[in-house]
């Protein structure tokens, strides 16, 4: 199965981030606690992550990796329709090149698509659910 990432994007860096998240265990009861644990992991990867980055006057990303144009959105609870509406807004921004959703909701794992021509990838927290 081929990658949906644009060829010019540093796919290996995005893949490494997703792989590290997939293989990590997070103890969390709230989305904020999950973000706390994820921030520790992302900082250890030294990817230049920014937490709670203001993309514009209306949008605040959970995590932003400017060198990759990578928006990382964390979702513990939220309907798929509301989440997609939020992500579509992010994908309209010219500096966003790809979106990675980190979630404990396994039903969101099937979301592998593009939004406004930008790849969307979902990383379920499999290790944390075991």
Protein backbone atom coordinates (compact mmCIF):
# COMPACT_ATOMS: atom_id res chain seq x y z
CA UNK A 1 0.00 0.00 0.00
CA UNK A 2 1.48 3.34 -1.02
CA UNK A 3 1.83 6.38 1.19
CA UNK A 4 -0.63 9.27 0.88
CA UNK A 5 2.04 11.78 1.90
CA UNK A 6 3.27 14.23 -0.75
CA UNK A 7 6.68 13.18 -2.13
CA UNK A 8 8.28 16.48 -1.13
CA UNK A 9 7.28 15.99 2.52
CA UNK A 10 9.82 14.45 4.84
CA UNK A 11 7.84 11.24 5.13
CA UNK A 12 10.40 9.53 7.30
CA UNK A 13 10.09 12.21 9.99
CA UNK A 14 6.28 11.97 10.06
CA UNK A 15 6.50 8.17 10.05
CA UNK A 16 8.98 8.26 12.93
CA UNK A 17 6.63 10.46 14.96
CA UNK A 18 3.66 8.17 14.28
CA UNK A 19 5.76 5.10 15.06
CA UNK A 20 6.95 6.56 18.38
CA UNK A 21 3.36 7.43 19.35
CA UNK A 22 2.09 3.98 18.30
CA UNK A 23 4.72 2.23 20.43
CA UNK A 24 4.31 4.39 23.53
CA UNK A 25 2.03 3.93 26.49
CA UNK A 26 0.22 6.90 27.92
CA UNK A 27 -1.65 7.00 31.22
CA UNK A 28 -4.44 9.48 30.92
CA UNK A 29 -7.95 10.17 32.10
CA UNK A 30 -8.40 13.44 30.23
CA UNK A 31 -7.32 14.87 26.91
CA UNK A 32 -5.10 17.36 28.76
CA UNK A 33 -3.23 14.54 30.50
CA UNK A 34 -2.81 12.75 27.19
CA UNK A 35 -1.36 15.95 25.70
CA UNK A 36 1.03 16.22 28.66
CA UNK A 37 2.39 12.74 27.97
CA UNK A 38 2.50 13.30 24.25
CA UNK A 39 4.41 16.54 24.72
CA UNK A 40 7.11 14.71 26.70
CA UNK A 41 7.42 12.13 23.92
CA UNK A 42 7.49 14.71 21.11
CA UNK A 43 10.12 16.81 22.89
CA UNK A 44 12.27 13.70 23.32
CA UNK A 45 12.16 13.24 19.54
CA UNK A 46 13.64 16.74 19.11
CA UNK A 47 11.35 17.67 16.21
CA UNK A 48 10.81 21.28 17.28
CA UNK A 49 7.26 20.78 18.49
CA UNK A 50 5.13 23.67 19.75
CA UNK A 51 2.19 22.92 22.04
CA UNK A 52 -1.10 24.82 21.68
CA UNK A 53 0.05 26.80 18.67
CA UNK A 54 -2.22 29.57 17.38
CA UNK A 55 -2.56 28.92 13.67
CA UNK A 56 -4.74 31.98 13.16
CA UNK A 57 -7.28 34.03 15.11
CA UNK A 58 -9.68 31.09 15.37
CA UNK A 59 -7.57 27.94 15.34
CA UNK A 60 -5.38 26.50 18.08
CA UNK A 61 -3.48 23.33 17.24
CA UNK A 62 -2.73 20.83 19.99
CA UNK A 63 0.78 20.42 18.56
CA UNK A 64 2.61 22.01 15.65
CA UNK A 65 5.85 20.89 14.01
CA UNK A 66 6.67 23.89 11.80
CA UNK A 67 9.59 22.28 9.96
CA UNK A 68 7.19 19.62 8.62
CA UNK A 69 4.02 21.69 8.40
CA UNK A 70 2.60 18.98 10.65
CA UNK A 71 -0.50 19.58 12.72
CA UNK A 72 -1.00 16.99 15.47
CA UNK A 73 -4.52 16.96 16.87
CA UNK A 74 -5.34 14.91 19.99
CA UNK A 75 -8.85 13.58 20.47
CA UNK A 76 -10.17 11.47 23.30
CA UNK A 77 -13.83 12.32 22.79
CA UNK A 78 -15.59 14.03 19.93
CA UNK A 79 -17.87 13.00 17.16
CA UNK A 80 -16.29 12.15 13.83
CA UNK A 81 -18.32 14.88 12.07
CA UNK A 82 -17.15 17.60 14.50
CA UNK A 83 -13.56 16.42 14.27
CA UNK A 84 -13.60 16.43 10.47
CA UNK A 85 -15.05 19.94 10.41
CA UNK A 86 -12.25 21.11 12.71
CA UNK A 87 -9.57 19.37 10.64
CA UNK A 88 -10.94 20.75 7.37
CA UNK A 89 -10.49 24.25 8.78
CA UNK A 90 -6.86 23.45 9.67
CA UNK A 91 -6.23 21.97 6.22
CA UNK A 92 -7.27 25.25 4.58
CA UNK A 93 -4.33 27.04 6.17
CA UNK A 94 -1.39 27.32 3.75
CA UNK A 95 1.28 26.42 6.33
CA UNK A 96 -0.37 23.09 7.20
CA UNK A 97 1.04 20.37 4.95
CA UNK A 98 -0.31 17.31 6.76
CA UNK A 99 -2.44 16.37 9.77
CA UNK A 100 -1.91 13.57 12.26
CA UNK A 101 -4.76 12.72 14.63
CA UNK A 102 -3.82 10.93 17.84
CA UNK A 103 -6.80 9.25 19.44
CA UNK A 104 -7.98 6.60 21.88
CA UNK A 105 -11.07 6.08 19.71
CA UNK A 106 -10.40 3.04 17.55
CA UNK A 107 -13.34 3.84 15.24
CA UNK A 108 -11.44 6.91 14.00
CA UNK A 109 -8.58 4.70 12.81
CA UNK A 110 -10.34 4.21 9.46
CA UNK A 111 -9.90 7.90 8.62
CA UNK A 112 -7.09 7.83 6.08
CA UNK A 113 -7.92 10.46 3.56
CA UNK A 114 -7.11 13.88 2.31
CA UNK A 115 -8.62 17.15 3.41
CA UNK A 116 -8.32 20.01 0.97
CA UNK A 117 -5.55 18.12 -0.81
CA UNK A 118 -3.54 17.55 2.38
CA UNK A 119 -2.99 14.10 3.84
CA UNK A 120 -4.74 13.06 7.03
CA UNK A 121 -3.44 10.18 9.09
CA UNK A 122 -4.93 8.74 12.27
CA UNK A 123 -2.73 7.13 14.91
CA UNK A 124 -4.71 5.11 17.45
CA UNK A 125 -3.13 4.71 20.86
CA UNK A 126 -3.01 0.94 20.62
CA UNK A 127 -0.32 0.35 23.27
CA UNK A 128 -2.18 2.52 25.78
CA UNK A 129 -5.36 0.51 25.33
CA UNK A 130 -3.78 -2.86 26.12
